[in-house]
């Protein structure tokens, strides 16, 4: 199966949605249709340098 790719805008929106929603990482990932590990990575990157 091919690896999914996401735009930088989608990643930024996903991280912002996670912070704004107050939902867990697991629930947010499920609602957005992304893997938990991908969302964790994007959140970690956003904390490091302010962008995804």
C-alpha atoms as a PDB file:
ATOM      1  CA  UNK A   1       0.000   0.000   0.000  1.00  0.00           C
ATOM      2  CA  UNK A   2       1.415   3.430  -0.914  1.00  0.00           C
ATOM      3  CA  UNK A   3       2.451   5.758   1.871  1.00  0.00           C
ATOM      4  CA  UNK A   4       0.060   8.656   2.408  1.00  0.00           C
ATOM      5  CA  UNK A   5       1.465  12.139   2.132  1.00  0.00           C
ATOM      6  CA  UNK A   6      -0.044  15.193   3.740  1.00  0.00           C
ATOM      7  CA  UNK A   7       0.407  18.850   2.930  1.00  0.00           C
ATOM      8  CA  UNK A   8       2.109  21.159   5.400  1.00  0.00           C
ATOM      9  CA  UNK A   9      -1.192  23.008   5.714  1.00  0.00           C
ATOM     10  CA  UNK A  10      -3.000  19.799   6.702  1.00  0.00           C
ATOM     11  CA  UNK A  11      -0.332  18.977   9.287  1.00  0.00           C
ATOM     12  CA  UNK A  12      -0.538  22.462  10.787  1.00  0.00           C
ATOM     13  CA  UNK A  13      -4.336  22.303  10.864  1.00  0.00           C
ATOM     14  CA  UNK A  14      -4.191  18.858  12.496  1.00  0.00           C
ATOM     15  CA  UNK A  15      -1.868  20.094  15.250  1.00  0.00           C
ATOM     16  CA  UNK A  16      -3.997  23.187  15.824  1.00  0.00           C
ATOM     17  CA  UNK A  17      -7.133  21.039  15.935  1.00  0.00           C
ATOM     18  CA  UNK A  18      -5.504  18.791  18.540  1.00  0.00           C
ATOM     19  CA  UNK A  19      -4.642  21.758  20.764  1.00  0.00           C
ATOM     20  CA  UNK A  20      -7.974  23.542  20.288  1.00  0.00           C
ATOM     21  CA  UNK A  21     -10.215  20.502  20.667  1.00  0.00           C
ATOM     22  CA  UNK A  22      -8.896  19.269  23.995  1.00  0.00           C
ATOM     23  CA  UNK A  23      -9.200  15.706  22.689  1.00  0.00           C
ATOM     24  CA  UNK A  24      -6.581  13.018  23.212  1.00  0.00           C
ATOM     25  CA  UNK A  25      -3.997  12.310  20.535  1.00  0.00           C
ATOM     26  CA  UNK A  26      -5.673   8.957  19.847  1.00  0.00           C
ATOM     27  CA  UNK A  27      -9.124  10.477  19.381  1.00  0.00           C
ATOM     28  CA  UNK A  28      -7.816  13.362  17.281  1.00  0.00           C
ATOM     29  CA  UNK A  29      -5.875  11.020  14.994  1.00  0.00           C
ATOM     30  CA  UNK A  30      -8.914   8.793  14.549  1.00  0.00           C
ATOM     31  CA  UNK A  31     -11.185  11.756  13.727  1.00  0.00           C
ATOM     32  CA  UNK A  32      -8.692  13.091  11.182  1.00  0.00           C
ATOM     33  CA  UNK A  33      -7.956   9.695   9.648  1.00  0.00           C
ATOM     34  CA  UNK A  34      -4.212   9.811  10.331  1.00  0.00           C
ATOM     35  CA  UNK A  35      -1.964   7.493  12.287  1.00  0.00           C
ATOM     36  CA  UNK A  36      -1.286   8.249  15.925  1.00  0.00           C
ATOM     37  CA  UNK A  37       2.458   8.153  15.301  1.00  0.00           C
ATOM     38  CA  UNK A  38       2.185  10.728  12.502  1.00  0.00           C
ATOM     39  CA  UNK A  39       0.175  13.115  14.671  1.00  0.00           C
ATOM     40  CA  UNK A  40       2.629  12.679  17.555  1.00  0.00           C
ATOM     41  CA  UNK A  41       5.502  13.479  15.198  1.00  0.00           C
ATOM     42  CA  UNK A  42       3.781  16.632  13.912  1.00  0.00           C
ATOM     43  CA  UNK A  43       3.046  17.802  17.458  1.00  0.00           C
ATOM     44  CA  UNK A  44       6.644  17.165  18.507  1.00  0.00           C
ATOM     45  CA  UNK A  45       7.950  19.132  15.511  1.00  0.00           C
ATOM     46  CA  UNK A  46       5.569  22.012  16.199  1.00  0.00           C
ATOM     47  CA  UNK A  47       6.793  22.250  19.805  1.00  0.00           C
ATOM     48  CA  UNK A  48      10.413  22.201  18.648  1.00  0.00           C
ATOM     49  CA  UNK A  49      10.328  24.972  16.079  1.00  0.00           C
ATOM     50  CA  UNK A  50       6.815  26.329  15.965  1.00  0.00           C
ATOM     51  CA  UNK A  51       5.984  24.692  12.643  1.00  0.00           C
ATOM     52  CA  UNK A  52       5.293  21.211  11.371  1.00  0.00           C
END
